[in-house]
Amino acid sequence: MNEKQFDIVKNGEGFIVALDQSGGSTPTALLAYGVQQESYSNEGEIIQAS
């Protein structure tokens, strides 16, 4: 992790979560954290949405 990445993790808004991508369960898991499906339109955006 470089200094820029560390600063984002330390001072940014949001959270880090490890999700199992199998079975399409990610949207349901994110919903439990309060991340609505409207926050992202594809799997690539899930990383940014969460």
PDB file of N, CA and C in Angstrom:
ATOM      1  N   MET A   1       0.856  -1.162   0.000  1.00  0.00           N
ATOM      2  CA  MET A   1       0.000   0.000   0.000  1.00  0.00           C
ATOM      3  C   MET A   1       0.907   1.231   0.000  1.00  0.00           C
ATOM      4  N   ASN A   2       0.652   2.143  -0.931  1.00  0.00           N
ATOM      5  CA  ASN A   2       1.442   3.364  -0.961  1.00  0.00           C
ATOM      6  C   ASN A   2       0.779   4.444  -0.084  1.00  0.00           C
ATOM      7  N   GLU A   3       1.420   5.583   0.047  1.00  0.00           N
ATOM      8  CA  GLU A   3       0.908   6.642   0.934  1.00  0.00           C
ATOM      9  C   GLU A   3      -0.455   7.163   0.491  1.00  0.00           C
ATOM     10  N   LYS A   4      -0.675   7.286  -0.805  1.00  0.00           N
ATOM     11  CA  LYS A   4      -1.959   7.777  -1.296  1.00  0.00           C
ATOM     12  C   LYS A   4      -3.082   6.799  -0.925  1.00  0.00           C
ATOM     13  N   GLN A   5      -2.843   5.506  -1.138  1.00  0.00           N
ATOM     14  CA  GLN A   5      -3.842   4.497  -0.788  1.00  0.00           C
ATOM     15  C   GLN A   5      -4.103   4.503   0.716  1.00  0.00           C
ATOM     16  N   PHE A   6      -3.050   4.615   1.506  1.00  0.00           N
ATOM     17  CA  PHE A   6      -3.196   4.640   2.956  1.00  0.00           C
ATOM     18  C   PHE A   6      -4.023   5.841   3.390  1.00  0.00           C
ATOM     19  N   ASP A   7      -3.776   6.996   2.791  1.00  0.00           N
ATOM     20  CA  ASP A   7      -4.524   8.202   3.136  1.00  0.00           C
ATOM     21  C   ASP A   7      -6.004   8.043   2.816  1.00  0.00           C
ATOM     22  N   ILE A   8      -6.312   7.413   1.689  1.00  0.00           N
ATOM     23  CA  ILE A   8      -7.715   7.184   1.322  1.00  0.00           C
ATOM     24  C   ILE A   8      -8.394   6.281   2.347  1.00  0.00           C
ATOM     25  N   VAL A   9      -7.708   5.215   2.740  1.00  0.00           N
ATOM     26  CA  VAL A   9      -8.273   4.283   3.722  1.00  0.00           C
ATOM     27  C   VAL A   9      -8.429   4.966   5.079  1.00  0.00           C
ATOM     28  N   LYS A  10      -7.434   5.726   5.464  1.00  0.00           N
ATOM     29  CA  LYS A  10      -7.437   6.360   6.787  1.00  0.00           C
ATOM     30  C   LYS A  10      -8.441   7.501   6.885  1.00  0.00           C
ATOM     31  N   ASN A  11      -8.527   8.339   5.859  1.00  0.00           N
ATOM     32  CA  ASN A  11      -9.305   9.573   5.958  1.00  0.00           C
ATOM     33  C   ASN A  11     -10.550   9.619   5.084  1.00  0.00           C
ATOM     34  N   GLY A  12     -10.700   8.660   4.185  1.00  0.00           N
ATOM     35  CA  GLY A  12     -11.827   8.680   3.264  1.00  0.00           C
ATOM     36  C   GLY A  12     -13.124   8.226   3.915  1.00  0.00           C
ATOM     37  N   GLU A  13     -14.199   8.421   3.190  1.00  0.00           N
ATOM     38  CA  GLU A  13     -15.501   7.953   3.640  1.00  0.00           C
ATOM     39  C   GLU A  13     -15.747   6.568   3.063  1.00  0.00           C
ATOM     40  N   GLY A  14     -16.512   5.766   3.746  1.00  0.00           N
ATOM     41  CA  GLY A  14     -16.837   4.443   3.256  1.00  0.00           C
ATOM     42  C   GLY A  14     -16.250   3.366   4.137  1.00  0.00           C
ATOM     43  N   PHE A  15     -16.147   2.183   3.597  1.00  0.00           N
ATOM     44  CA  PHE A  15     -15.647   1.057   4.356  1.00  0.00           C
ATOM     45  C   PHE A  15     -15.043   0.026   3.420  1.00  0.00           C
ATOM     46  N   ILE A  16     -14.282  -0.896   3.984  1.00  0.00           N
ATOM     47  CA  ILE A  16     -13.686  -1.978   3.220  1.00  0.00           C
ATOM     48  C   ILE A  16     -14.342  -3.269   3.685  1.00  0.00           C
ATOM     49  N   VAL A  17     -14.756  -4.068   2.730  1.00  0.00           N
ATOM     50  CA  VAL A  17     -15.396  -5.330   3.062  1.00  0.00           C
ATOM     51  C   VAL A  17     -14.931  -6.385   2.058  1.00  0.00           C
ATOM     52  N   ALA A  18     -14.721  -7.596   2.533  1.00  0.00           N
ATOM     53  CA  ALA A  18     -14.366  -8.711   1.655  1.00  0.00           C
ATOM     54  C   ALA A  18     -15.634  -9.506   1.380  1.00  0.00           C
ATOM     55  N   LEU A  19     -15.965  -9.664   0.110  1.00  0.00           N
ATOM     56  CA  LEU A  19     -17.188 -10.361  -0.270  1.00  0.00           C
ATOM     57  C   LEU A  19     -16.875 -11.530  -1.190  1.00  0.00           C
ATOM     58  N   ASP A  20     -17.605 -12.599  -1.030  1.00  0.00           N
ATOM     59  CA  ASP A  20     -17.504 -13.758  -1.915  1.00  0.00           C
ATOM     60  C   ASP A  20     -18.348 -13.450  -3.150  1.00  0.00           C
ATOM     61  N   GLN A  21     -17.745 -13.407  -4.302  1.00  0.00           N
ATOM     62  CA  GLN A  21     -18.445 -13.032  -5.527  1.00  0.00           C
ATOM     63  C   GLN A  21     -19.272 -14.162  -6.130  1.00  0.00           C
ATOM     64  N   SER A  22     -19.188 -15.359  -5.581  1.00  0.00           N
ATOM     65  CA  SER A  22     -19.906 -16.479  -6.173  1.00  0.00           C
ATOM     66  C   SER A  22     -21.397 -16.418  -5.861  1.00  0.00           C
ATOM     67  N   GLY A  23     -22.202 -16.829  -6.789  1.00  0.00           N
ATOM     68  CA  GLY A  23     -23.636 -16.946  -6.550  1.00  0.00           C
ATOM     69  C   GLY A  23     -24.417 -15.656  -6.603  1.00  0.00           C
ATOM     70  N   GLY A  24     -23.776 -14.559  -6.929  1.00  0.00           N
ATOM     71  CA  GLY A  24     -24.494 -13.295  -7.042  1.00  0.00           C
ATOM     72  C   GLY A  24     -25.005 -12.741  -5.725  1.00  0.00           C
ATOM     73  N   SER A  25     -24.330 -13.069  -4.633  1.00  0.00           N
ATOM     74  CA  SER A  25     -24.794 -12.630  -3.315  1.00  0.00           C
ATOM     75  C   SER A  25     -24.309 -11.231  -2.941  1.00  0.00           C
ATOM     76  N   THR A  26     -23.415 -10.653  -3.723  1.00  0.00           N
ATOM     77  CA  THR A  26     -22.841  -9.358  -3.378  1.00  0.00           C
ATOM     78  C   THR A  26     -23.887  -8.256  -3.214  1.00  0.00           C
ATOM     79  N   PRO A  27     -24.849  -8.091  -4.132  1.00  0.00           N
ATOM     80  CA  PRO A  27     -25.840  -7.027  -3.933  1.00  0.00           C
ATOM     81  C   PRO A  27     -26.613  -7.162  -2.615  1.00  0.00           C
ATOM     82  N   THR A  28     -26.942  -8.377  -2.229  1.00  0.00           N
ATOM     83  CA  THR A  28     -27.664  -8.587  -0.977  1.00  0.00           C
ATOM     84  C   THR A  28     -26.773  -8.248   0.212  1.00  0.00           C
ATOM     85  N   ALA A  29     -25.511  -8.652   0.147  1.00  0.00           N
ATOM     86  CA  ALA A  29     -24.579  -8.346   1.234  1.00  0.00           C
ATOM     87  C   ALA A  29     -24.362  -6.842   1.353  1.00  0.00           C
ATOM     88  N   LEU A  30     -24.194  -6.164   0.226  1.00  0.00           N
ATOM     89  CA  LEU A  30     -24.008  -4.715   0.268  1.00  0.00           C
ATOM     90  C   LEU A  30     -25.242  -4.012   0.809  1.00  0.00           C
ATOM     91  N   LEU A  31     -26.412  -4.521   0.472  1.00  0.00           N
ATOM     92  CA  LEU A  31     -27.649  -3.939   0.976  1.00  0.00           C
ATOM     93  C   LEU A  31     -27.692  -4.000   2.501  1.00  0.00           C
ATOM     94  N   ALA A  32     -27.161  -5.064   3.078  1.00  0.00           N
ATOM     95  CA  ALA A  32     -27.105  -5.188   4.538  1.00  0.00           C
ATOM     96  C   ALA A  32     -26.226  -4.105   5.156  1.00  0.00           C
ATOM     97  N   TYR A  33     -25.270  -3.599   4.373  1.00  0.00           N
ATOM     98  CA  TYR A  33     -24.414  -2.497   4.823  1.00  0.00           C
ATOM     99  C   TYR A  33     -24.989  -1.133   4.450  1.00  0.00           C
ATOM    100  N   GLY A  34     -26.149  -1.125   3.808  1.00  0.00           N
ATOM    101  CA  GLY A  34     -26.786   0.133   3.440  1.00  0.00           C
ATOM    102  C   GLY A  34     -26.422   0.665   2.072  1.00  0.00           C
ATOM    103  N   VAL A  35     -25.746  -0.142   1.250  1.00  0.00           N
ATOM    104  CA  VAL A  35     -25.371   0.275  -0.108  1.00  0.00           C
ATOM    105  C   VAL A  35     -26.470  -0.186  -1.056  1.00  0.00           C
ATOM    106  N   GLN A  36     -27.212   0.763  -1.591  1.00  0.00           N
ATOM    107  CA  GLN A  36     -28.325   0.466  -2.483  1.00  0.00           C
ATOM    108  C   GLN A  36     -27.820   0.056  -3.864  1.00  0.00           C
ATOM    109  N   GLN A  37     -28.577  -0.794  -4.554  1.00  0.00           N
ATOM    110  CA  GLN A  37     -28.182  -1.241  -5.892  1.00  0.00           C
ATOM    111  C   GLN A  37     -28.105  -0.084  -6.880  1.00  0.00           C
ATOM    112  N   GLU A  38     -28.802   1.002  -6.607  1.00  0.00           N
ATOM    113  CA  GLU A  38     -28.741   2.168  -7.489  1.00  0.00           C
ATOM    114  C   GLU A  38     -27.378   2.866  -7.419  1.00  0.00           C
ATOM    115  N   SER A  39     -26.556   2.502  -6.434  1.00  0.00           N
ATOM    116  CA  SER A  39     -25.242   3.123  -6.262  1.00  0.00           C
ATOM    117  C   SER A  39     -24.223   2.638  -7.282  1.00  0.00           C
ATOM    118  N   TYR A  40     -24.532   1.548  -7.970  1.00  0.00           N
ATOM    119  CA  TYR A  40     -23.610   0.978  -8.950  1.00  0.00           C
ATOM    120  C   TYR A  40     -24.412   0.346 -10.081  1.00  0.00           C
ATOM    121  N   SER A  41     -23.785   0.288 -11.270  1.00  0.00           N
ATOM    122  CA  SER A  41     -24.496  -0.276 -12.422  1.00  0.00           C
ATOM    123  C   SER A  41     -23.835  -1.543 -12.965  1.00  0.00           C
ATOM    124  N   ASN A  42     -22.648  -1.872 -12.462  1.00  0.00           N
ATOM    125  CA  ASN A  42     -21.974  -3.097 -12.891  1.00  0.00           C
ATOM    126  C   ASN A  42     -21.008  -3.555 -11.802  1.00  0.00           C
ATOM    127  N   GLU A  43     -20.429  -4.735 -11.972  1.00  0.00           N
ATOM    128  CA  GLU A  43     -19.549  -5.292 -10.951  1.00  0.00           C
ATOM    129  C   GLU A  43     -18.330  -4.424 -10.696  1.00  0.00           C
ATOM    130  N   GLY A  44     -17.806  -3.775 -11.725  1.00  0.00           N
ATOM    131  CA  GLY A  44     -16.651  -2.911 -11.556  1.00  0.00           C
ATOM    132  C   GLY A  44     -16.927  -1.737 -10.638  1.00  0.00           C
ATOM    133  N   GLU A  45     -18.135  -1.252 -10.659  1.00  0.00           N
ATOM    134  CA  GLU A  45     -18.501  -0.126  -9.809  1.00  0.00           C
ATOM    135  C   GLU A  45     -18.789  -0.528  -8.379  1.00  0.00           C
ATOM    136  N   ILE A  46     -18.988  -1.804  -8.133  1.00  0.00           N
ATOM    137  CA  ILE A  46     -19.238  -2.251  -6.770  1.00  0.00           C
ATOM    138  C   ILE A  46     -18.056  -1.892  -5.883  1.00  0.00           C
ATOM    139  N   ILE A  47     -16.867  -2.009  -6.411  1.00  0.00           N
ATOM    140  CA  ILE A  47     -15.667  -1.676  -5.641  1.00  0.00           C
ATOM    141  C   ILE A  47     -15.711  -0.213  -5.223  1.00  0.00           C
ATOM    142  N   GLN A  48     -16.118   0.656  -6.119  1.00  0.00           N
ATOM    143  CA  GLN A  48     -16.166   2.080  -5.810  1.00  0.00           C
ATOM    144  C   GLN A  48     -17.371   2.423  -4.961  1.00  0.00           C
ATOM    145  N   ALA A  49     -18.480   1.741  -5.166  1.00  0.00           N
ATOM    146  CA  ALA A  49     -19.705   2.046  -4.426  1.00  0.00           C
ATOM    147  C   ALA A  49     -19.566   1.690  -2.963  1.00  0.00           C
ATOM    148  N   SER A  50     -18.807   0.620  -2.701  1.00  0.00           N
ATOM    149  CA  SER A  50     -18.675   0.208  -1.326  1.00  0.00           C
ATOM    150  C   SER A  50     -17.468   0.825  -0.713  1.00  0.00           C
TER     151      SER A  50
END
